[in-house]
Amino acid sequence: MIGRHNHFGSKSARGTVVAATTYSLVETAKAAGVDPIAYLVEVATRAKRSPGAVLLPADFRAAA
């Protein structure tokens, strides 16, 4: 995960994992040519509607 070693200042191990996962999603979206903010908003919206739903950046491009 990107940034994994840079989060030693996080207050918890879970916070470190969440930060690293978020950075990885943002960088993956950028690499796929997807707007990271729009992607994360859609992911959060879908997660609220259907917990456990997965939306990858490549799939988001097709849905947008």
PDB file of N, CA and C in Angstrom:
ATOM      1  N   MET A   1       0.836  -1.178   0.000  1.00  0.00           N
ATOM      2  CA  MET A   1       0.000   0.000   0.000  1.00  0.00           C
ATOM      3  C   MET A   1       0.880   1.239   0.000  1.00  0.00           C
ATOM      4  N   ILE A   2       0.483   2.196  -0.798  1.00  0.00           N
ATOM      5  CA  ILE A   2       1.227   3.449  -0.884  1.00  0.00           C
ATOM      6  C   ILE A   2       1.109   4.184   0.439  1.00  0.00           C
ATOM      7  N   GLY A   3       2.208   4.698   0.920  1.00  0.00           N
ATOM      8  CA  GLY A   3       2.196   5.485   2.141  1.00  0.00           C
ATOM      9  C   GLY A   3       2.248   4.674   3.418  1.00  0.00           C
ATOM     10  N   ARG A   4       2.237   3.384   3.320  1.00  0.00           N
ATOM     11  CA  ARG A   4       2.170   2.530   4.503  1.00  0.00           C
ATOM     12  C   ARG A   4       3.240   2.887   5.532  1.00  0.00           C
ATOM     13  N   HIS A   5       4.445   3.147   5.074  1.00  0.00           N
ATOM     14  CA  HIS A   5       5.543   3.412   6.002  1.00  0.00           C
ATOM     15  C   HIS A   5       5.556   4.853   6.495  1.00  0.00           C
ATOM     16  N   ASN A   6       4.719   5.709   5.935  1.00  0.00           N
ATOM     17  CA  ASN A   6       4.697   7.109   6.329  1.00  0.00           C
ATOM     18  C   ASN A   6       3.636   7.421   7.368  1.00  0.00           C
ATOM     19  N   HIS A   7       2.951   6.440   7.871  1.00  0.00           N
ATOM     20  CA  HIS A   7       1.843   6.692   8.780  1.00  0.00           C
ATOM     21  C   HIS A   7       2.126   6.233  10.199  1.00  0.00           C
ATOM     22  N   PHE A   8       3.358   6.271  10.609  1.00  0.00           N
ATOM     23  CA  PHE A   8       3.684   5.869  11.971  1.00  0.00           C
ATOM     24  C   PHE A   8       3.102   6.840  12.991  1.00  0.00           C
ATOM     25  N   GLY A   9       2.694   8.060  12.569  1.00  0.00           N
ATOM     26  CA  GLY A   9       2.115   9.041  13.467  1.00  0.00           C
ATOM     27  C   GLY A   9       0.628   8.871  13.665  1.00  0.00           C
ATOM     28  N   SER A  10       0.019   7.898  13.003  1.00  0.00           N
ATOM     29  CA  SER A  10      -1.412   7.664  13.188  1.00  0.00           C
ATOM     30  C   SER A  10      -1.667   7.228  14.623  1.00  0.00           C
ATOM     31  N   LYS A  11      -2.861   7.532  15.101  1.00  0.00           N
ATOM     32  CA  LYS A  11      -3.172   7.227  16.496  1.00  0.00           C
ATOM     33  C   LYS A  11      -3.516   5.768  16.727  1.00  0.00           C
ATOM     34  N   SER A  12      -3.758   5.027  15.651  1.00  0.00           N
ATOM     35  CA  SER A  12      -4.092   3.615  15.812  1.00  0.00           C
ATOM     36  C   SER A  12      -3.653   2.838  14.577  1.00  0.00           C
ATOM     37  N   ALA A  13      -3.570   1.550  14.743  1.00  0.00           N
ATOM     38  CA  ALA A  13      -3.226   0.689  13.611  1.00  0.00           C
ATOM     39  C   ALA A  13      -4.331   0.745  12.560  1.00  0.00           C
ATOM     40  N   ARG A  14      -5.583   0.817  13.003  1.00  0.00           N
ATOM     41  CA  ARG A  14      -6.691   0.892  12.050  1.00  0.00           C
ATOM     42  C   ARG A  14      -6.635   2.194  11.257  1.00  0.00           C
ATOM     43  N   GLY A  15      -6.278   3.298  11.919  1.00  0.00           N
ATOM     44  CA  GLY A  15      -6.146   4.573  11.222  1.00  0.00           C
ATOM     45  C   GLY A  15      -5.084   4.513  10.141  1.00  0.00           C
ATOM     46  N   THR A  16      -4.011   3.814  10.427  1.00  0.00           N
ATOM     47  CA  THR A  16      -2.935   3.641   9.455  1.00  0.00           C
ATOM     48  C   THR A  16      -3.434   2.863   8.241  1.00  0.00           C
ATOM     49  N   VAL A  17      -4.185   1.811   8.479  1.00  0.00           N
ATOM     50  CA  VAL A  17      -4.710   0.990   7.389  1.00  0.00           C
ATOM     51  C   VAL A  17      -5.707   1.794   6.550  1.00  0.00           C
ATOM     52  N   VAL A  18      -6.581   2.556   7.211  1.00  0.00           N
ATOM     53  CA  VAL A  18      -7.569   3.359   6.480  1.00  0.00           C
ATOM     54  C   VAL A  18      -6.868   4.404   5.611  1.00  0.00           C
ATOM     55  N   ALA A  19      -5.868   5.084   6.160  1.00  0.00           N
ATOM     56  CA  ALA A  19      -5.135   6.100   5.398  1.00  0.00           C
ATOM     57  C   ALA A  19      -4.429   5.472   4.199  1.00  0.00           C
ATOM     58  N   ALA A  20      -3.763   4.363   4.409  1.00  0.00           N
ATOM     59  CA  ALA A  20      -3.039   3.704   3.323  1.00  0.00           C
ATOM     60  C   ALA A  20      -3.999   3.207   2.242  1.00  0.00           C
ATOM     61  N   THR A  21      -5.144   2.683   2.651  1.00  0.00           N
ATOM     62  CA  THR A  21      -6.137   2.211   1.689  1.00  0.00           C
ATOM     63  C   THR A  21      -6.696   3.372   0.868  1.00  0.00           C
ATOM     64  N   THR A  22      -6.983   4.484   1.538  1.00  0.00           N
ATOM     65  CA  THR A  22      -7.497   5.662   0.836  1.00  0.00           C
ATOM     66  C   THR A  22      -6.484   6.170  -0.173  1.00  0.00           C
ATOM     67  N   TYR A  23      -5.223   6.281   0.231  1.00  0.00           N
ATOM     68  CA  TYR A  23      -4.181   6.734  -0.695  1.00  0.00           C
ATOM     69  C   TYR A  23      -4.060   5.783  -1.878  1.00  0.00           C
ATOM     70  N   SER A  24      -4.165   4.499  -1.627  1.00  0.00           N
ATOM     71  CA  SER A  24      -4.079   3.523  -2.713  1.00  0.00           C
ATOM     72  C   SER A  24      -5.237   3.676  -3.691  1.00  0.00           C
ATOM     73  N   LEU A  25      -6.454   3.898  -3.162  1.00  0.00           N
ATOM     74  CA  LEU A  25      -7.615   4.100  -4.038  1.00  0.00           C
ATOM     75  C   LEU A  25      -7.461   5.359  -4.879  1.00  0.00           C
ATOM     76  N   VAL A  26      -6.976   6.434  -4.271  1.00  0.00           N
ATOM     77  CA  VAL A  26      -6.786   7.691  -5.003  1.00  0.00           C
ATOM     78  C   VAL A  26      -5.759   7.509  -6.117  1.00  0.00           C
ATOM     79  N   GLU A  27      -4.643   6.893  -5.805  1.00  0.00           N
ATOM     80  CA  GLU A  27      -3.599   6.701  -6.810  1.00  0.00           C
ATOM     81  C   GLU A  27      -4.043   5.748  -7.913  1.00  0.00           C
ATOM     82  N   THR A  28      -4.812   4.728  -7.565  1.00  0.00           N
ATOM     83  CA  THR A  28      -5.326   3.803  -8.573  1.00  0.00           C
ATOM     84  C   THR A  28      -6.307   4.513  -9.506  1.00  0.00           C
ATOM     85  N   ALA A  29      -7.146   5.369  -8.932  1.00  0.00           N
ATOM     86  CA  ALA A  29      -8.084   6.142  -9.757  1.00  0.00           C
ATOM     87  C   ALA A  29      -7.322   7.057 -10.707  1.00  0.00           C
ATOM     88  N   LYS A  30      -6.298   7.735 -10.204  1.00  0.00           N
ATOM     89  CA  LYS A  30      -5.484   8.608 -11.067  1.00  0.00           C
ATOM     90  C   LYS A  30      -4.855   7.814 -12.205  1.00  0.00           C
ATOM     91  N   ALA A  31      -4.315   6.649 -11.877  1.00  0.00           N
ATOM     92  CA  ALA A  31      -3.660   5.821 -12.894  1.00  0.00           C
ATOM     93  C   ALA A  31      -4.656   5.339 -13.955  1.00  0.00           C
ATOM     94  N   ALA A  32      -5.911   5.182 -13.557  1.00  0.00           N
ATOM     95  CA  ALA A  32      -6.941   4.727 -14.495  1.00  0.00           C
ATOM     96  C   ALA A  32      -7.572   5.887 -15.262  1.00  0.00           C
ATOM     97  N   GLY A  33      -7.119   7.112 -14.969  1.00  0.00           N
ATOM     98  CA  GLY A  33      -7.655   8.277 -15.660  1.00  0.00           C
ATOM     99  C   GLY A  33      -9.009   8.725 -15.144  1.00  0.00           C
ATOM    100  N   VAL A  34      -9.295   8.407 -13.890  1.00  0.00           N
ATOM    101  CA  VAL A  34     -10.573   8.735 -13.263  1.00  0.00           C
ATOM    102  C   VAL A  34     -10.363   9.849 -12.252  1.00  0.00           C
ATOM    103  N   ASP A  35     -11.329  10.787 -12.169  1.00  0.00           N
ATOM    104  CA  ASP A  35     -11.269  11.846 -11.163  1.00  0.00           C
ATOM    105  C   ASP A  35     -11.399  11.207  -9.774  1.00  0.00           C
ATOM    106  N   PRO A  36     -10.363  11.308  -8.934  1.00  0.00           N
ATOM    107  CA  PRO A  36     -10.385  10.624  -7.639  1.00  0.00           C
ATOM    108  C   PRO A  36     -11.516  11.094  -6.717  1.00  0.00           C
ATOM    109  N   ILE A  37     -11.828  12.382  -6.736  1.00  0.00           N
ATOM    110  CA  ILE A  37     -12.883  12.887  -5.852  1.00  0.00           C
ATOM    111  C   ILE A  37     -14.247  12.329  -6.284  1.00  0.00           C
ATOM    112  N   ALA A  38     -14.539  12.402  -7.566  1.00  0.00           N
ATOM    113  CA  ALA A  38     -15.813  11.860  -8.062  1.00  0.00           C
ATOM    114  C   ALA A  38     -15.910  10.366  -7.769  1.00  0.00           C
ATOM    115  N   TYR A  39     -14.798   9.665  -7.929  1.00  0.00           N
ATOM    116  CA  TYR A  39     -14.768   8.229  -7.664  1.00  0.00           C
ATOM    117  C   TYR A  39     -15.063   7.945  -6.190  1.00  0.00           C
ATOM    118  N   LEU A  40     -14.386   8.648  -5.277  1.00  0.00           N
ATOM    119  CA  LEU A  40     -14.584   8.402  -3.847  1.00  0.00           C
ATOM    120  C   LEU A  40     -15.997   8.772  -3.406  1.00  0.00           C
ATOM    121  N   VAL A  41     -16.563   9.827  -3.975  1.00  0.00           N
ATOM    122  CA  VAL A  41     -17.943  10.195  -3.656  1.00  0.00           C
ATOM    123  C   VAL A  41     -18.899   9.080  -4.082  1.00  0.00           C
ATOM    124  N   GLU A  42     -18.703   8.560  -5.281  1.00  0.00           N
ATOM    125  CA  GLU A  42     -19.566   7.475  -5.769  1.00  0.00           C
ATOM    126  C   GLU A  42     -19.387   6.210  -4.930  1.00  0.00           C
ATOM    127  N   VAL A  43     -18.164   5.910  -4.543  1.00  0.00           N
ATOM    128  CA  VAL A  43     -17.908   4.733  -3.705  1.00  0.00           C
ATOM    129  C   VAL A  43     -18.637   4.878  -2.364  1.00  0.00           C
ATOM    130  N   ALA A  44     -18.541   6.057  -1.752  1.00  0.00           N
ATOM    131  CA  ALA A  44     -19.202   6.281  -0.467  1.00  0.00           C
ATOM    132  C   ALA A  44     -20.720   6.197  -0.599  1.00  0.00           C
ATOM    133  N   THR A  45     -21.251   6.759  -1.680  1.00  0.00           N
ATOM    134  CA  THR A  45     -22.695   6.719  -1.918  1.00  0.00           C
ATOM    135  C   THR A  45     -23.176   5.283  -2.076  1.00  0.00           C
ATOM    136  N   ARG A  46     -22.462   4.521  -2.872  1.00  0.00           N
ATOM    137  CA  ARG A  46     -22.850   3.117  -3.084  1.00  0.00           C
ATOM    138  C   ARG A  46     -22.692   2.294  -1.818  1.00  0.00           C
ATOM    139  N   ALA A  47     -21.671   2.581  -1.024  1.00  0.00           N
ATOM    140  CA  ALA A  47     -21.450   1.834   0.218  1.00  0.00           C
ATOM    141  C   ALA A  47     -22.586   2.087   1.214  1.00  0.00           C
ATOM    142  N   LYS A  48     -23.111   3.317   1.218  1.00  0.00           N
ATOM    143  CA  LYS A  48     -24.240   3.614   2.110  1.00  0.00           C
ATOM    144  C   LYS A  48     -25.491   2.857   1.677  1.00  0.00           C
ATOM    145  N   ARG A  49     -25.699   2.765   0.359  1.00  0.00           N
ATOM    146  CA  ARG A  49     -26.875   2.061  -0.165  1.00  0.00           C
ATOM    147  C   ARG A  49     -26.748   0.557  -0.016  1.00  0.00           C
ATOM    148  N   SER A  50     -25.544   0.052  -0.241  1.00  0.00           N
ATOM    149  CA  SER A  50     -25.326  -1.388  -0.246  1.00  0.00           C
ATOM    150  C   SER A  50     -23.990  -1.701   0.416  1.00  0.00           C
ATOM    151  N   PRO A  51     -23.966  -1.863   1.752  1.00  0.00           N
ATOM    152  CA  PRO A  51     -22.705  -2.162   2.436  1.00  0.00           C
ATOM    153  C   PRO A  51     -22.020  -3.386   1.830  1.00  0.00           C
ATOM    154  N   GLY A  52     -20.721  -3.268   1.665  1.00  0.00           N
ATOM    155  CA  GLY A  52     -19.953  -4.362   1.084  1.00  0.00           C
ATOM    156  C   GLY A  52     -19.816  -4.265  -0.424  1.00  0.00           C
ATOM    157  N   ALA A  53     -20.472  -3.273  -1.022  1.00  0.00           N
ATOM    158  CA  ALA A  53     -20.373  -3.097  -2.475  1.00  0.00           C
ATOM    159  C   ALA A  53     -18.955  -2.692  -2.855  1.00  0.00           C
ATOM    160  N   VAL A  54     -18.511  -3.155  -3.994  1.00  0.00           N
ATOM    161  CA  VAL A  54     -17.169  -2.844  -4.474  1.00  0.00           C
ATOM    162  C   VAL A  54     -17.273  -2.138  -5.817  1.00  0.00           C
ATOM    163  N   LEU A  55     -16.568  -1.018  -5.944  1.00  0.00           N
ATOM    164  CA  LEU A  55     -16.511  -0.293  -7.205  1.00  0.00           C
ATOM    165  C   LEU A  55     -15.052   0.038  -7.481  1.00  0.00           C
ATOM    166  N   LEU A  56     -14.502  -0.584  -8.496  1.00  0.00           N
ATOM    167  CA  LEU A  56     -13.124  -0.313  -8.878  1.00  0.00           C
ATOM    168  C   LEU A  56     -13.082   0.863  -9.844  1.00  0.00           C
ATOM    169  N   PRO A  57     -11.966   1.607  -9.873  1.00  0.00           N
ATOM    170  CA  PRO A  57     -11.876   2.751 -10.778  1.00  0.00           C
ATOM    171  C   PRO A  57     -12.159   2.414 -12.239  1.00  0.00           C
ATOM    172  N   ALA A  58     -11.710   1.273 -12.710  1.00  0.00           N
ATOM    173  CA  ALA A  58     -11.949   0.896 -14.102  1.00  0.00           C
ATOM    174  C   ALA A  58     -13.443   0.715 -14.370  1.00  0.00           C
ATOM    175  N   ASP A  59     -14.182   0.211 -13.393  1.00  0.00           N
ATOM    176  CA  ASP A  59     -15.625   0.041 -13.526  1.00  0.00           C
ATOM    177  C   ASP A  59     -16.339   1.383 -13.440  1.00  0.00           C
ATOM    178  N   PHE A  60     -15.803   2.305 -12.672  1.00  0.00           N
ATOM    179  CA  PHE A  60     -16.406   3.631 -12.516  1.00  0.00           C
ATOM    180  C   PHE A  60     -16.363   4.385 -13.833  1.00  0.00           C
ATOM    181  N   ARG A  61     -15.264   4.250 -14.551  1.00  0.00           N
ATOM    182  CA  ARG A  61     -15.141   4.951 -15.837  1.00  0.00           C
ATOM    183  C   ARG A  61     -16.282   4.517 -16.763  1.00  0.00           C
ATOM    184  N   ALA A  62     -16.600   3.233 -16.775  1.00  0.00           N
ATOM    185  CA  ALA A  62     -17.654   2.725 -17.639  1.00  0.00           C
ATOM    186  C   ALA A  62     -19.019   3.217 -17.160  1.00  0.00           C
ATOM    187  N   ALA A  63     -19.171   3.434 -15.865  1.00  0.00           N
ATOM    188  CA  ALA A  63     -20.450   3.856 -15.303  1.00  0.00           C
ATOM    189  C   ALA A  63     -20.660   5.351 -15.410  1.00  0.00           C
ATOM    190  N   ALA A  64     -19.583   6.118 -15.542  1.00  0.00           N
ATOM    191  CA  ALA A  64     -19.696   7.578 -15.529  1.00  0.00           C
ATOM    192  C   ALA A  64     -20.241   8.147 -16.792  1.00  0.00           C
TER     193      ALA A  64
END
